[in-house]
Amino acid sequence: MLKIGSYILLFYLAFRLSKHSFEFEKVSRLELIILPLYSTLMFFITMTWSEENIMVAIILLFLSFLVGWLQASKVEFKDEGKEDKYQRPIILMKKNWSYIIGWGIFFFINNWCSFLFKFTHGSGRSSDGILERNS
């Protein structure tokens, strides 16, 4: 039941992030700078540094670069010719289909990595999250 709830939450978040993909909207520093930096920082803080994990991280870094390039490939920008209260130009952005396709690829990669982890490390887990030994 928890797995279904997490999928519903992921699809809801993806919908919220992509529902305005076909409209021009104001560029947000939170979405374009702060969230990616926070995610990167949290990755390095929580990463378990082992040889296997570093190899997986390199592969995921390469795949995330490709998905990011795909998502950014069809982005359109429009200058409003106006300034905000801090005298910065107001720039509008439209993400288009490539953004939504990138989210689909993200879900696929996420599920594929989860499957590979369970396949290579076994699926037996105790209630406290530590792998059980197969005797």
Protein backbone atom coordinates (compact mmCIF):
# COMPACT_ATOMS: atom_id res chain seq x y z
CA MET A 1 0.00 0.00 0.00
CA LEU A 2 2.90 2.34 0.78
CA LYS A 3 4.36 1.77 -2.68
CA ILE A 4 1.07 2.76 -4.36
CA GLY A 5 0.94 5.89 -2.19
CA SER A 6 4.48 6.84 -3.18
CA TYR A 7 3.61 6.42 -6.87
CA ILE A 8 0.53 8.59 -6.45
CA LEU A 9 2.64 11.23 -4.71
CA LEU A 10 5.30 11.12 -7.46
CA PHE A 11 2.70 11.43 -10.22
CA TYR A 12 1.01 14.29 -8.37
CA LEU A 13 4.32 16.15 -7.97
CA ALA A 14 5.21 15.55 -11.62
CA PHE A 15 1.77 16.83 -12.63
CA ARG A 16 2.18 19.94 -10.47
CA LEU A 17 5.63 20.62 -11.95
CA SER A 18 4.53 20.06 -15.54
CA LYS A 19 0.95 21.35 -15.69
CA HIS A 20 2.09 24.76 -16.92
CA SER A 21 4.59 23.33 -19.42
CA PHE A 22 2.74 24.78 -22.41
CA GLU A 23 2.30 28.28 -20.99
CA PHE A 24 4.82 31.05 -20.56
CA GLU A 25 5.48 31.56 -16.85
CA LYS A 26 7.88 33.70 -14.84
CA VAL A 27 11.30 32.13 -14.27
CA SER A 28 11.75 31.24 -10.60
CA ARG A 29 15.13 31.16 -8.86
CA LEU A 30 13.72 28.52 -6.50
CA GLU A 31 12.97 26.11 -9.34
CA LEU A 32 16.04 26.78 -11.47
CA ILE A 33 18.81 27.30 -8.90
CA ILE A 34 17.92 26.54 -5.28
CA LEU A 35 16.21 23.14 -5.76
CA PRO A 36 18.98 21.64 -7.93
CA LEU A 37 21.68 22.92 -5.55
CA TYR A 38 19.80 21.57 -2.53
CA SER A 39 19.33 18.19 -4.23
CA THR A 40 23.02 18.00 -5.11
CA LEU A 41 24.08 18.94 -1.57
CA MET A 42 21.74 16.34 -0.05
CA PHE A 43 23.10 13.71 -2.43
CA PHE A 44 26.68 14.32 -1.27
CA ILE A 45 25.66 14.42 2.39
CA THR A 46 23.66 11.18 2.30
CA MET A 47 25.81 9.20 -0.17
CA THR A 48 27.42 6.02 1.16
CA TRP A 49 30.84 6.15 -0.44
CA SER A 50 31.74 2.69 -1.70
CA GLU A 51 33.19 1.56 -5.01
CA GLU A 52 29.86 0.12 -6.18
CA ASN A 53 27.90 3.23 -5.19
CA ILE A 54 30.39 5.52 -6.92
CA MET A 55 29.98 3.55 -10.16
CA VAL A 56 26.19 3.79 -9.87
CA ALA A 57 26.50 7.52 -9.13
CA ILE A 58 28.63 8.05 -12.26
CA ILE A 59 26.08 6.22 -14.41
CA LEU A 60 23.21 8.18 -12.86
CA LEU A 61 25.13 11.44 -13.33
CA PHE A 62 25.50 10.67 -17.03
CA LEU A 63 21.81 9.70 -17.36
CA SER A 64 20.68 12.79 -15.44
CA PHE A 65 22.80 14.98 -17.73
CA LEU A 66 21.07 13.44 -20.76
CA VAL A 67 17.59 13.87 -19.23
CA GLY A 68 18.41 17.48 -18.26
CA TRP A 69 19.65 18.20 -21.78
CA LEU A 70 16.44 16.69 -23.22
CA GLN A 71 14.26 18.74 -20.87
CA ALA A 72 16.10 21.97 -21.72
CA SER A 73 16.35 21.34 -25.47
CA LYS A 74 12.95 22.77 -26.43
CA VAL A 75 12.56 25.46 -23.77
CA GLU A 76 11.38 28.82 -25.10
CA PHE A 77 12.13 32.16 -23.44
CA LYS A 78 10.33 35.45 -23.84
CA ASP A 79 11.46 38.83 -22.53
CA GLU A 80 8.53 40.86 -21.21
CA GLY A 81 10.41 44.13 -21.57
CA LYS A 82 9.45 44.93 -17.97
CA GLU A 83 11.37 44.88 -14.70
CA ASP A 84 10.46 43.58 -11.26
CA LYS A 85 10.71 45.60 -8.05
CA TYR A 86 14.47 44.90 -7.91
CA GLN A 87 15.03 46.27 -11.45
CA ARG A 88 15.69 42.79 -12.89
CA PRO A 89 14.20 41.94 -16.29
CA ILE A 90 11.11 39.72 -16.20
CA ILE A 91 11.80 36.63 -18.31
CA LEU A 92 9.07 34.13 -19.16
CA MET A 93 9.73 30.46 -19.93
CA LYS A 94 7.71 27.72 -21.66
CA LYS A 95 8.98 24.15 -21.09
CA ASN A 96 7.07 22.21 -23.82
CA TRP A 97 6.83 18.44 -24.40
CA SER A 98 10.49 17.67 -23.82
CA TYR A 99 10.05 18.60 -20.15
CA ILE A 100 7.20 16.10 -19.70
CA ILE A 101 9.08 13.39 -21.63
CA GLY A 102 12.07 13.97 -19.32
CA TRP A 103 9.84 13.33 -16.30
CA GLY A 104 8.66 10.10 -17.92
CA ILE A 105 12.25 9.00 -18.45
CA PHE A 106 13.00 9.92 -14.83
CA PHE A 107 10.19 7.62 -13.61
CA PHE A 108 11.48 4.83 -15.84
CA ILE A 109 15.08 5.21 -14.61
CA ASN A 110 13.89 5.40 -10.99
CA ASN A 111 11.92 2.16 -11.27
CA TRP A 112 14.69 0.44 -13.24
CA CYS A 113 17.31 1.32 -10.61
CA SER A 114 14.98 0.17 -7.84
CA PHE A 115 14.46 -3.15 -9.63
CA LEU A 116 18.21 -3.62 -10.19
CA PHE A 117 18.95 -2.89 -6.53
CA LYS A 118 16.39 -5.44 -5.37
CA PHE A 119 17.65 -7.96 -7.92
CA THR A 120 21.32 -7.60 -7.01
CA HIS A 121 20.95 -7.14 -3.26
CA GLY A 122 17.95 -9.39 -2.59
CA SER A 123 14.57 -8.24 -1.38
CA GLY A 124 14.71 -9.54 2.19
CA ARG A 125 14.68 -6.63 4.60
CA SER A 126 13.94 -6.60 8.28
CA SER A 127 11.62 -4.09 9.84
CA ASP A 128 14.48 -1.74 10.75
CA GLY A 129 15.71 -1.53 7.15
CA ILE A 130 18.84 -3.69 7.46
CA LEU A 131 19.36 -6.43 4.91
CA GLU A 132 18.72 -9.89 6.35
CA ARG A 133 21.14 -12.72 5.75
CA ASN A 134 19.99 -15.60 3.61
CA SER A 135 20.83 -18.75 5.61
